[in-house]
Amino acid sequence: MSLLSELKTVADACSIPVETGVFSGVPPDLYLVITPMADTFELHADNFPGYDTQEARLSLFVKGSYTAIKDTLVRALLGADFCITDRRYIAHEDDTGFHHYAIDVAKLYQL
């Protein structure tokens, strides 16, 4: 498995449309954009990495109240063993009507 495929599975389980990088086409009133951020070999010994740490930002866009779907998504991520490294409200986009909330996640993958 990879970080992106696991994140897409979590989004599907929460009934949130998801795309990577940018949402193509006309966005629905609720959607998620995944932006890969880093792949690192921080945990290793003997000059050979044992784990690949993959990180991504999930940008949740919601028209109307975002708190319930944000809480559902956070619980689903924690239940799927993701490490949440940051959560923050970014802004209300007055031109589109979307609330933008970001969740940064990381997960270890054994090599």
PDB file of N, CA and C in Angstrom:
ATOM      1  N   MET A   1       0.840  -1.186   0.000  1.00  0.00           N
ATOM      2  CA  MET A   1       0.000   0.000   0.000  1.00  0.00           C
ATOM      3  C   MET A   1       0.885   1.249   0.000  1.00  0.00           C
ATOM      4  N   SER A   2       0.292   2.355  -0.365  1.00  0.00           N
ATOM      5  CA  SER A   2       0.983   3.634  -0.319  1.00  0.00           C
ATOM      6  C   SER A   2       0.098   4.632   0.430  1.00  0.00           C
ATOM      7  N   LEU A   3       0.711   5.714   0.835  1.00  0.00           N
ATOM      8  CA  LEU A   3      -0.017   6.743   1.562  1.00  0.00           C
ATOM      9  C   LEU A   3      -1.221   7.239   0.763  1.00  0.00           C
ATOM     10  N   LEU A   4      -1.021   7.552  -0.504  1.00  0.00           N
ATOM     11  CA  LEU A   4      -2.119   8.089  -1.317  1.00  0.00           C
ATOM     12  C   LEU A   4      -3.270   7.102  -1.446  1.00  0.00           C
ATOM     13  N   SER A   5      -2.964   5.838  -1.680  1.00  0.00           N
ATOM     14  CA  SER A   5      -4.045   4.860  -1.833  1.00  0.00           C
ATOM     15  C   SER A   5      -4.793   4.658  -0.516  1.00  0.00           C
ATOM     16  N   GLU A   6      -4.072   4.668   0.600  1.00  0.00           N
ATOM     17  CA  GLU A   6      -4.747   4.525   1.887  1.00  0.00           C
ATOM     18  C   GLU A   6      -5.606   5.744   2.213  1.00  0.00           C
ATOM     19  N   LEU A   7      -5.107   6.934   1.879  1.00  0.00           N
ATOM     20  CA  LEU A   7      -5.898   8.143   2.121  1.00  0.00           C
ATOM     21  C   LEU A   7      -7.148   8.170   1.254  1.00  0.00           C
ATOM     22  N   LYS A   8      -7.044   7.709   0.033  1.00  0.00           N
ATOM     23  CA  LYS A   8      -8.223   7.643  -0.835  1.00  0.00           C
ATOM     24  C   LYS A   8      -9.250   6.663  -0.284  1.00  0.00           C
ATOM     25  N   THR A   9      -8.777   5.558   0.290  1.00  0.00           N
ATOM     26  CA  THR A   9      -9.679   4.585   0.905  1.00  0.00           C
ATOM     27  C   THR A   9     -10.419   5.200   2.084  1.00  0.00           C
ATOM     28  N   VAL A  10      -9.713   5.958   2.920  1.00  0.00           N
ATOM     29  CA  VAL A  10     -10.346   6.632   4.064  1.00  0.00           C
ATOM     30  C   VAL A  10     -11.373   7.652   3.576  1.00  0.00           C
ATOM     31  N   ALA A  11     -11.023   8.439   2.576  1.00  0.00           N
ATOM     32  CA  ALA A  11     -11.963   9.438   2.041  1.00  0.00           C
ATOM     33  C   ALA A  11     -13.206   8.759   1.473  1.00  0.00           C
ATOM     34  N   ASP A  12     -13.022   7.674   0.752  1.00  0.00           N
ATOM     35  CA  ASP A  12     -14.165   6.934   0.206  1.00  0.00           C
ATOM     36  C   ASP A  12     -15.066   6.410   1.325  1.00  0.00           C
ATOM     37  N   ALA A  13     -14.453   5.913   2.406  1.00  0.00           N
ATOM     38  CA  ALA A  13     -15.225   5.401   3.539  1.00  0.00           C
ATOM     39  C   ALA A  13     -16.038   6.510   4.208  1.00  0.00           C
ATOM     40  N   CYS A  14     -15.540   7.752   4.125  1.00  0.00           N
ATOM     41  CA  CYS A  14     -16.250   8.901   4.696  1.00  0.00           C
ATOM     42  C   CYS A  14     -17.172   9.573   3.671  1.00  0.00           C
ATOM     43  N   SER A  15     -17.274   8.994   2.478  1.00  0.00           N
ATOM     44  CA  SER A  15     -18.107   9.534   1.392  1.00  0.00           C
ATOM     45  C   SER A  15     -17.698  10.947   0.997  1.00  0.00           C
ATOM     46  N   ILE A  16     -16.376  11.164   0.925  1.00  0.00           N
ATOM     47  CA  ILE A  16     -15.849  12.466   0.514  1.00  0.00           C
ATOM     48  C   ILE A  16     -15.166  12.293  -0.838  1.00  0.00           C
ATOM     49  N   PRO A  17     -15.618  12.998  -1.871  1.00  0.00           N
ATOM     50  CA  PRO A  17     -14.914  12.955  -3.151  1.00  0.00           C
ATOM     51  C   PRO A  17     -13.481  13.449  -2.962  1.00  0.00           C
ATOM     52  N   VAL A  18     -12.520  12.767  -3.600  1.00  0.00           N
ATOM     53  CA  VAL A  18     -11.116  13.091  -3.371  1.00  0.00           C
ATOM     54  C   VAL A  18     -10.331  13.049  -4.670  1.00  0.00           C
ATOM     55  N   GLU A  19      -9.362  13.951  -4.795  1.00  0.00           N
ATOM     56  CA  GLU A  19      -8.410  13.943  -5.902  1.00  0.00           C
ATOM     57  C   GLU A  19      -7.059  14.360  -5.356  1.00  0.00           C
ATOM     58  N   THR A  20      -6.024  14.085  -6.119  1.00  0.00           N
ATOM     59  CA  THR A  20      -4.663  14.432  -5.721  1.00  0.00           C
ATOM     60  C   THR A  20      -4.213  15.683  -6.466  1.00  0.00           C
ATOM     61  N   GLY A  21      -3.647  16.632  -5.724  1.00  0.00           N
ATOM     62  CA  GLY A  21      -3.087  17.847  -6.324  1.00  0.00           C
ATOM     63  C   GLY A  21      -4.083  18.963  -6.512  1.00  0.00           C
ATOM     64  N   VAL A  22      -5.108  18.728  -7.296  1.00  0.00           N
ATOM     65  CA  VAL A  22      -6.134  19.735  -7.560  1.00  0.00           C
ATOM     66  C   VAL A  22      -7.430  19.008  -7.932  1.00  0.00           C
ATOM     67  N   PHE A  23      -8.555  19.586  -7.589  1.00  0.00           N
ATOM     68  CA  PHE A  23      -9.836  18.977  -7.939  1.00  0.00           C
ATOM     69  C   PHE A  23     -10.200  19.410  -9.346  1.00  0.00           C
ATOM     70  N   SER A  24     -10.312  18.457 -10.242  1.00  0.00           N
ATOM     71  CA  SER A  24     -10.635  18.772 -11.635  1.00  0.00           C
ATOM     72  C   SER A  24     -12.148  18.896 -11.811  1.00  0.00           C
ATOM     73  N   GLY A  25     -12.531  19.716 -12.741  1.00  0.00           N
ATOM     74  CA  GLY A  25     -13.956  19.892 -13.012  1.00  0.00           C
ATOM     75  C   GLY A  25     -14.620  20.787 -11.987  1.00  0.00           C
ATOM     76  N   VAL A  26     -15.929  20.761 -11.978  1.00  0.00           N
ATOM     77  CA  VAL A  26     -16.717  21.569 -11.049  1.00  0.00           C
ATOM     78  C   VAL A  26     -16.757  20.839  -9.704  1.00  0.00           C
ATOM     79  N   PRO A  27     -16.255  21.472  -8.647  1.00  0.00           N
ATOM     80  CA  PRO A  27     -16.223  20.777  -7.360  1.00  0.00           C
ATOM     81  C   PRO A  27     -17.602  20.705  -6.719  1.00  0.00           C
ATOM     82  N   PRO A  28     -17.868  19.593  -6.006  1.00  0.00           N
ATOM     83  CA  PRO A  28     -19.119  19.502  -5.246  1.00  0.00           C
ATOM     84  C   PRO A  28     -19.018  20.375  -3.986  1.00  0.00           C
ATOM     85  N   ASP A  29     -20.058  20.398  -3.174  1.00  0.00           N
ATOM     86  CA  ASP A  29     -20.067  21.229  -1.964  1.00  0.00           C
ATOM     87  C   ASP A  29     -19.153  20.687  -0.861  1.00  0.00           C
ATOM     88  N   LEU A  30     -18.645  19.486  -1.044  1.00  0.00           N
ATOM     89  CA  LEU A  30     -17.726  18.851  -0.104  1.00  0.00           C
ATOM     90  C   LEU A  30     -16.712  18.050  -0.914  1.00  0.00           C
ATOM     91  N   TYR A  31     -15.431  18.343  -0.714  1.00  0.00           N
ATOM     92  CA  TYR A  31     -14.409  17.553  -1.395  1.00  0.00           C
ATOM     93  C   TYR A  31     -13.081  17.676  -0.670  1.00  0.00           C
ATOM     94  N   LEU A  32     -12.161  16.783  -1.040  1.00  0.00           N
ATOM     95  CA  LEU A  32     -10.862  16.699  -0.401  1.00  0.00           C
ATOM     96  C   LEU A  32      -9.780  16.676  -1.469  1.00  0.00           C
ATOM     97  N   VAL A  33      -8.727  17.440  -1.251  1.00  0.00           N
ATOM     98  CA  VAL A  33      -7.575  17.424  -2.145  1.00  0.00           C
ATOM     99  C   VAL A  33      -6.366  16.961  -1.332  1.00  0.00           C
ATOM    100  N   ILE A  34      -5.672  15.934  -1.825  1.00  0.00           N
ATOM    101  CA  ILE A  34      -4.479  15.416  -1.157  1.00  0.00           C
ATOM    102  C   ILE A  34      -3.248  15.960  -1.865  1.00  0.00           C
ATOM    103  N   THR A  35      -2.337  16.538  -1.084  1.00  0.00           N
ATOM    104  CA  THR A  35      -1.080  17.053  -1.620  1.00  0.00           C
ATOM    105  C   THR A  35       0.064  16.306  -0.950  1.00  0.00           C
ATOM    106  N   PRO A  36       0.793  15.455  -1.693  1.00  0.00           N
ATOM    107  CA  PRO A  36       1.952  14.789  -1.095  1.00  0.00           C
ATOM    108  C   PRO A  36       2.968  15.841  -0.648  1.00  0.00           C
ATOM    109  N   MET A  37       3.564  15.638   0.545  1.00  0.00           N
ATOM    110  CA  MET A  37       4.500  16.629   1.074  1.00  0.00           C
ATOM    111  C   MET A  37       5.930  16.104   1.180  1.00  0.00           C
ATOM    112  N   ALA A  38       6.118  14.866   1.651  1.00  0.00           N
ATOM    113  CA  ALA A  38       7.491  14.378   1.852  1.00  0.00           C
ATOM    114  C   ALA A  38       7.518  12.866   1.934  1.00  0.00           C
ATOM    115  N   ASP A  39       8.629  12.318   1.513  1.00  0.00           N
ATOM    116  CA  ASP A  39       8.968  10.906   1.700  1.00  0.00           C
ATOM    117  C   ASP A  39      10.373  10.905   2.294  1.00  0.00           C
ATOM    118  N   THR A  40      10.524  10.390   3.513  1.00  0.00           N
ATOM    119  CA  THR A  40      11.827  10.445   4.162  1.00  0.00           C
ATOM    120  C   THR A  40      12.214   9.093   4.740  1.00  0.00           C
ATOM    121  N   PHE A  41      13.509   8.944   4.980  1.00  0.00           N
ATOM    122  CA  PHE A  41      14.064   7.754   5.625  1.00  0.00           C
ATOM    123  C   PHE A  41      14.634   8.159   6.983  1.00  0.00           C
ATOM    124  N   GLU A  42      13.806   8.718   7.849  1.00  0.00           N
ATOM    125  CA  GLU A  42      14.301   9.219   9.127  1.00  0.00           C
ATOM    126  C   GLU A  42      14.676   8.115  10.101  1.00  0.00           C
ATOM    127  N   LEU A  43      13.993   6.988  10.057  1.00  0.00           N
ATOM    128  CA  LEU A  43      14.229   5.909  11.015  1.00  0.00           C
ATOM    129  C   LEU A  43      15.051   4.805  10.362  1.00  0.00           C
ATOM    130  N   HIS A  44      16.362   4.834  10.607  1.00  0.00           N
ATOM    131  CA  HIS A  44      17.192   3.764  10.071  1.00  0.00           C
ATOM    132  C   HIS A  44      18.491   3.625  10.859  1.00  0.00           C
ATOM    133  N   ALA A  45      19.128   2.480  10.671  1.00  0.00           N
ATOM    134  CA  ALA A  45      20.418   2.193  11.318  1.00  0.00           C
ATOM    135  C   ALA A  45      21.283   1.440  10.323  1.00  0.00           C
ATOM    136  N   ASP A  46      22.568   1.388  10.615  1.00  0.00           N
ATOM    137  CA  ASP A  46      23.517   0.660   9.766  1.00  0.00           C
ATOM    138  C   ASP A  46      23.484   1.144   8.320  1.00  0.00           C
ATOM    139  N   ASN A  47      23.192   2.440   8.133  1.00  0.00           N
ATOM    140  CA  ASN A  47      23.187   3.065   6.805  1.00  0.00           C
ATOM    141  C   ASN A  47      22.187   2.455   5.839  1.00  0.00           C
ATOM    142  N   PHE A  48      21.166   1.791   6.368  1.00  0.00           N
ATOM    143  CA  PHE A  48      20.110   1.247   5.513  1.00  0.00           C
ATOM    144  C   PHE A  48      18.760   1.561   6.142  1.00  0.00           C
ATOM    145  N   PRO A  49      17.892   2.267   5.416  1.00  0.00           N
ATOM    146  CA  PRO A  49      16.583   2.611   5.993  1.00  0.00           C
ATOM    147  C   PRO A  49      15.699   1.380   6.141  1.00  0.00           C
ATOM    148  N   GLY A  50      15.000   1.332   7.250  1.00  0.00           N
ATOM    149  CA  GLY A  50      14.045   0.247   7.471  1.00  0.00           C
ATOM    150  C   GLY A  50      12.617   0.685   7.214  1.00  0.00           C
ATOM    151  N   TYR A  51      12.382   1.999   7.255  1.00  0.00           N
ATOM    152  CA  TYR A  51      11.042   2.538   7.072  1.00  0.00           C
ATOM    153  C   TYR A  51      11.073   3.753   6.162  1.00  0.00           C
ATOM    154  N   ASP A  52      10.021   3.901   5.402  1.00  0.00           N
ATOM    155  CA  ASP A  52       9.786   5.090   4.586  1.00  0.00           C
ATOM    156  C   ASP A  52       8.667   5.861   5.270  1.00  0.00           C
ATOM    157  N   THR A  53       8.942   7.085   5.687  1.00  0.00           N
ATOM    158  CA  THR A  53       7.918   7.939   6.279  1.00  0.00           C
ATOM    159  C   THR A  53       7.319   8.791   5.165  1.00  0.00           C
ATOM    160  N   GLN A  54       6.019   8.621   4.921  1.00  0.00           N
ATOM    161  CA  GLN A  54       5.338   9.383   3.880  1.00  0.00           C
ATOM    162  C   GLN A  54       4.384  10.378   4.538  1.00  0.00           C
ATOM    163  N   GLU A  55       4.375  11.607   4.015  1.00  0.00           N
ATOM    164  CA  GLU A  55       3.540  12.672   4.581  1.00  0.00           C
ATOM    165  C   GLU A  55       2.715  13.348   3.486  1.00  0.00           C
ATOM    166  N   ALA A  56       1.532  13.813   3.878  1.00  0.00           N
ATOM    167  CA  ALA A  56       0.660  14.512   2.927  1.00  0.00           C
ATOM    168  C   ALA A  56      -0.224  15.497   3.677  1.00  0.00           C
ATOM    169  N   ARG A  57      -0.712  16.474   2.941  1.00  0.00           N
ATOM    170  CA  ARG A  57      -1.698  17.424   3.473  1.00  0.00           C
ATOM    171  C   ARG A  57      -3.044  17.126   2.835  1.00  0.00           C
ATOM    172  N   LEU A  58      -4.063  17.024   3.673  1.00  0.00           N
ATOM    173  CA  LEU A  58      -5.430  16.860   3.205  1.00  0.00           C
ATOM    174  C   LEU A  58      -6.117  18.208   3.338  1.00  0.00           C
ATOM    175  N   SER A  59      -6.545  18.762   2.240  1.00  0.00           N
ATOM    176  CA  SER A  59      -7.270  20.033   2.246  1.00  0.00           C
ATOM    177  C   SER A  59      -8.746  19.728   2.067  1.00  0.00           C
ATOM    178  N   LEU A  60      -9.490  19.950   3.132  1.00  0.00           N
ATOM    179  CA  LEU A  60     -10.926  19.702   3.148  1.00  0.00           C
ATOM    180  C   LEU A  60     -11.641  20.993   2.791  1.00  0.00           C
ATOM    181  N   PHE A  61     -12.502  20.936   1.790  1.00  0.00           N
ATOM    182  CA  PHE A  61     -13.275  22.091   1.353  1.00  0.00           C
ATOM    183  C   PHE A  61     -14.751  21.776   1.557  1.00  0.00           C
ATOM    184  N   VAL A  62     -15.439  22.648   2.296  1.00  0.00           N
ATOM    185  CA  VAL A  62     -16.840  22.406   2.640  1.00  0.00           C
ATOM    186  C   VAL A  62     -17.616  23.717   2.548  1.00  0.00           C
ATOM    187  N   LYS A  63     -18.769  23.663   1.892  1.00  0.00           N
ATOM    188  CA  LYS A  63     -19.709  24.788   1.940  1.00  0.00           C
ATOM    189  C   LYS A  63     -20.643  24.512   3.109  1.00  0.00           C
ATOM    190  N   GLY A  64     -20.837  25.490   3.972  1.00  0.00           N
ATOM    191  CA  GLY A  64     -21.638  25.282   5.176  1.00  0.00           C
ATOM    192  C   GLY A  64     -20.740  24.867   6.328  1.00  0.00           C
ATOM    193  N   SER A  65     -21.324  24.227   7.323  1.00  0.00           N
ATOM    194  CA  SER A  65     -20.574  23.829   8.507  1.00  0.00           C
ATOM    195  C   SER A  65     -19.607  22.683   8.183  1.00  0.00           C
ATOM    196  N   TYR A  66     -18.364  22.843   8.570  1.00  0.00           N
ATOM    197  CA  TYR A  66     -17.342  21.849   8.281  1.00  0.00           C
ATOM    198  C   TYR A  66     -17.003  20.972   9.483  1.00  0.00           C
ATOM    199  N   THR A  67     -17.471  21.305  10.685  1.00  0.00           N
ATOM    200  CA  THR A  67     -16.986  20.637  11.896  1.00  0.00           C
ATOM    201  C   THR A  67     -17.356  19.157  11.971  1.00  0.00           C
ATOM    202  N   ALA A  68     -18.547  18.786  11.616  1.00  0.00           N
ATOM    203  CA  ALA A  68     -18.953  17.384  11.724  1.00  0.00           C
ATOM    204  C   ALA A  68     -18.158  16.501  10.768  1.00  0.00           C
ATOM    205  N   ILE A  69     -17.997  16.911   9.517  1.00  0.00           N
ATOM    206  CA  ILE A  69     -17.256  16.093   8.561  1.00  0.00           C
ATOM    207  C   ILE A  69     -15.771  16.082   8.908  1.00  0.00           C
ATOM    208  N   LYS A  70     -15.254  17.186   9.445  1.00  0.00           N
ATOM    209  CA  LYS A  70     -13.861  17.232   9.888  1.00  0.00           C
ATOM    210  C   LYS A  70     -13.639  16.223  11.001  1.00  0.00           C
ATOM    211  N   ASP A  71     -14.539  16.175  11.979  1.00  0.00           N
ATOM    212  CA  ASP A  71     -14.417  15.226  13.085  1.00  0.00           C
ATOM    213  C   ASP A  71     -14.510  13.784  12.600  1.00  0.00           C
ATOM    214  N   THR A  72     -15.410  13.523  11.672  1.00  0.00           N
ATOM    215  CA  THR A  72     -15.532  12.180  11.099  1.00  0.00           C
ATOM    216  C   THR A  72     -14.251  11.772  10.388  1.00  0.00           C
ATOM    217  N   LEU A  73     -13.688  12.677   9.602  1.00  0.00           N
ATOM    218  CA  LEU A  73     -12.453  12.394   8.872  1.00  0.00           C
ATOM    219  C   LEU A  73     -11.286  12.153   9.826  1.00  0.00           C
ATOM    220  N   VAL A  74     -11.169  12.971  10.863  1.00  0.00           N
ATOM    221  CA  VAL A  74     -10.089  12.800  11.840  1.00  0.00           C
ATOM    222  C   VAL A  74     -10.200  11.443  12.536  1.00  0.00           C
ATOM    223  N   ARG A  75     -11.397  11.060  12.955  1.00  0.00           N
ATOM    224  CA  ARG A  75     -11.582   9.755  13.598  1.00  0.00           C
ATOM    225  C   ARG A  75     -11.235   8.617  12.638  1.00  0.00           C
ATOM    226  N   ALA A  76     -11.607   8.749  11.376  1.00  0.00           N
ATOM    227  CA  ALA A  76     -11.303   7.713  10.391  1.00  0.00           C
ATOM    228  C   ALA A  76      -9.790   7.610  10.159  1.00  0.00           C
ATOM    229  N   LEU A  77      -9.109   8.742  10.114  1.00  0.00           N
ATOM    230  CA  LEU A  77      -7.656   8.730   9.931  1.00  0.00           C
ATOM    231  C   LEU A  77      -6.960   8.073  11.116  1.00  0.00           C
ATOM    232  N   LEU A  78      -7.360   8.436  12.323  1.00  0.00           N
ATOM    233  CA  LEU A  78      -6.769   7.827  13.508  1.00  0.00           C
ATOM    234  C   LEU A  78      -7.064   6.334  13.564  1.00  0.00           C
ATOM    235  N   GLY A  79      -8.271   5.947  13.170  1.00  0.00           N
ATOM    236  CA  GLY A  79      -8.639   4.534  13.143  1.00  0.00           C
ATOM    237  C   GLY A  79      -7.852   3.729  12.121  1.00  0.00           C
ATOM    238  N   ALA A  80      -7.330   4.405  11.098  1.00  0.00           N
ATOM    239  CA  ALA A  80      -6.523   3.737  10.067  1.00  0.00           C
ATOM    240  C   ALA A  80      -5.027   3.878  10.356  1.00  0.00           C
ATOM    241  N   ASP A  81      -4.688   4.228  11.600  1.00  0.00           N
ATOM    242  CA  ASP A  81      -3.291   4.303  12.069  1.00  0.00           C
ATOM    243  C   ASP A  81      -2.470   5.404  11.416  1.00  0.00           C
ATOM    244  N   PHE A  82      -3.100   6.491  11.019  1.00  0.00           N
ATOM    245  CA  PHE A  82      -2.350   7.645  10.542  1.00  0.00           C
ATOM    246  C   PHE A  82      -1.924   8.485  11.738  1.00  0.00           C
ATOM    247  N   CYS A  83      -0.760   9.087  11.648  1.00  0.00           N
ATOM    248  CA  CYS A  83      -0.304  10.057  12.631  1.00  0.00           C
ATOM    249  C   CYS A  83      -0.700  11.435  12.105  1.00  0.00           C
ATOM    250  N   ILE A  84      -1.528  12.147  12.863  1.00  0.00           N
ATOM    251  CA  ILE A  84      -1.926  13.492  12.465  1.00  0.00           C
ATOM    252  C   ILE A  84      -0.907  14.458  13.056  1.00  0.00           C
ATOM    253  N   THR A  85      -0.183  15.145  12.177  1.00  0.00           N
ATOM    254  CA  THR A  85       0.887  16.027  12.628  1.00  0.00           C
ATOM    255  C   THR A  85       0.457  17.483  12.753  1.00  0.00           C
ATOM    256  N   ASP A  86      -0.654  17.846  12.127  1.00  0.00           N
ATOM    257  CA  ASP A  86      -1.154  19.219  12.232  1.00  0.00           C
ATOM    258  C   ASP A  86      -2.591  19.274  11.747  1.00  0.00           C
ATOM    259  N   ARG A  87      -3.390  20.144  12.365  1.00  0.00           N
ATOM    260  CA  ARG A  87      -4.756  20.432  11.924  1.00  0.00           C
ATOM    261  C   ARG A  87      -4.959  21.919  12.084  1.00  0.00           C
ATOM    262  N   ARG A  88      -5.528  22.554  11.059  1.00  0.00           N
ATOM    263  CA  ARG A  88      -5.766  23.988  11.184  1.00  0.00           C
ATOM    264  C   ARG A  88      -6.799  24.477  10.173  1.00  0.00           C
ATOM    265  N   TYR A  89      -7.551  25.461  10.628  1.00  0.00           N
ATOM    266  CA  TYR A  89      -8.488  26.146   9.754  1.00  0.00           C
ATOM    267  C   TYR A  89      -7.687  27.131   8.928  1.00  0.00           C
ATOM    268  N   ILE A  90      -7.817  27.067   7.617  1.00  0.00           N
ATOM    269  CA  ILE A  90      -7.053  27.944   6.736  1.00  0.00           C
ATOM    270  C   ILE A  90      -7.812  29.247   6.494  1.00  0.00           C
ATOM    271  N   ALA A  91      -9.028  29.151   5.974  1.00  0.00           N
ATOM    272  CA  ALA A  91      -9.781  30.371   5.675  1.00  0.00           C
ATOM    273  C   ALA A  91     -11.153  30.031   5.115  1.00  0.00           C
ATOM    274  N   HIS A  92     -12.017  31.030   5.125  1.00  0.00           N
ATOM    275  CA  HIS A  92     -13.255  30.952   4.367  1.00  0.00           C
ATOM    276  C   HIS A  92     -12.984  31.677   3.054  1.00  0.00           C
ATOM    277  N   GLU A  93     -13.222  30.996   1.972  1.00  0.00           N
ATOM    278  CA  GLU A  93     -12.978  31.591   0.653  1.00  0.00           C
ATOM    279  C   GLU A  93     -14.251  32.303   0.212  1.00  0.00           C
ATOM    280  N   ASP A  94     -14.256  33.606   0.371  1.00  0.00           N
ATOM    281  CA  ASP A  94     -15.470  34.388   0.096  1.00  0.00           C
ATOM    282  C   ASP A  94     -15.924  34.285  -1.353  1.00  0.00           C
ATOM    283  N   ASP A  95     -14.981  34.134  -2.275  1.00  0.00           N
ATOM    284  CA  ASP A  95     -15.360  34.075  -3.686  1.00  0.00           C
ATOM    285  C   ASP A  95     -16.021  32.751  -4.061  1.00  0.00           C
ATOM    286  N   THR A  96     -15.710  31.664  -3.334  1.00  0.00           N
ATOM    287  CA  THR A  96     -16.300  30.359  -3.656  1.00  0.00           C
ATOM    288  C   THR A  96     -17.310  29.886  -2.619  1.00  0.00           C
ATOM    289  N   GLY A  97     -17.231  30.438  -1.392  1.00  0.00           N
ATOM    290  CA  GLY A  97     -18.125  30.011  -0.323  1.00  0.00           C
ATOM    291  C   GLY A  97     -17.637  28.797   0.447  1.00  0.00           C
ATOM    292  N   PHE A  98     -16.435  28.327   0.163  1.00  0.00           N
ATOM    293  CA  PHE A  98     -15.888  27.145   0.834  1.00  0.00           C
ATOM    294  C   PHE A  98     -15.115  27.516   2.094  1.00  0.00           C
ATOM    295  N   HIS A  99     -15.293  26.690   3.138  1.00  0.00           N
ATOM    296  CA  HIS A  99     -14.382  26.697   4.272  1.00  0.00           C
ATOM    297  C   HIS A  99     -13.238  25.761   3.888  1.00  0.00           C
ATOM    298  N   HIS A 100     -12.001  26.156   4.200  1.00  0.00           N
ATOM    299  CA  HIS A 100     -10.826  25.350   3.892  1.00  0.00           C
ATOM    300  C   HIS A 100     -10.174  24.953   5.212  1.00  0.00           C
ATOM    301  N   TYR A 101     -10.093  23.644   5.461  1.00  0.00           N
ATOM    302  CA  TYR A 101      -9.495  23.096   6.677  1.00  0.00           C
ATOM    303  C   TYR A 101      -8.416  22.114   6.257  1.00  0.00           C
ATOM    304  N   ALA A 102      -7.219  22.222   6.849  1.00  0.00           N
ATOM    305  CA  ALA A 102      -6.096  21.368   6.463  1.00  0.00           C
ATOM    306  C   ALA A 102      -5.756  20.380   7.575  1.00  0.00           C
ATOM    307  N   ILE A 103      -5.478  19.144   7.169  1.00  0.00           N
ATOM    308  CA  ILE A 103      -5.032  18.099   8.085  1.00  0.00           C
ATOM    309  C   ILE A 103      -3.766  17.498   7.485  1.00  0.00           C
ATOM    310  N   ASP A 104      -2.663  17.576   8.236  1.00  0.00           N
ATOM    311  CA  ASP A 104      -1.403  16.971   7.785  1.00  0.00           C
ATOM    312  C   ASP A 104      -1.256  15.608   8.448  1.00  0.00           C
ATOM    313  N   VAL A 105      -0.875  14.623   7.649  1.00  0.00           N
ATOM    314  CA  VAL A 105      -0.751  13.256   8.167  1.00  0.00           C
ATOM    315  C   VAL A 105       0.590  12.655   7.758  1.00  0.00           C
ATOM    316  N   ALA A 106       0.997  11.642   8.516  1.00  0.00           N
ATOM    317  CA  ALA A 106       2.209  10.888   8.200  1.00  0.00           C
ATOM    318  C   ALA A 106       1.949   9.420   8.527  1.00  0.00           C
ATOM    319  N   LYS A 107       2.662   8.542   7.827  1.00  0.00           N
ATOM    320  CA  LYS A 107       2.549   7.118   8.103  1.00  0.00           C
ATOM    321  C   LYS A 107       3.861   6.441   7.746  1.00  0.00           C
ATOM    322  N   LEU A 108       4.228   5.454   8.541  1.00  0.00           N
ATOM    323  CA  LEU A 108       5.446   4.689   8.305  1.00  0.00           C
ATOM    324  C   LEU A 108       5.132   3.451   7.471  1.00  0.00           C
ATOM    325  N   TYR A 109       6.010   3.170   6.507  1.00  0.00           N
ATOM    326  CA  TYR A 109       5.891   1.973   5.675  1.00  0.00           C
ATOM    327  C   TYR A 109       7.209   1.224   5.744  1.00  0.00           C
ATOM    328  N   GLN A 110       7.145  -0.016   6.205  1.00  0.00           N
ATOM    329  CA  GLN A 110       8.365  -0.817   6.303  1.00  0.00           C
ATOM    330  C   GLN A 110       8.851  -1.203   4.925  1.00  0.00           C
ATOM    331  N   LEU A 111      10.153  -1.078   4.718  1.00  0.00           N
ATOM    332  CA  LEU A 111      10.734  -1.421   3.420  1.00  0.00           C
ATOM    333  C   LEU A 111      11.000  -2.910   3.315  1.00  0.00           C
TER     334      LEU A 111
END
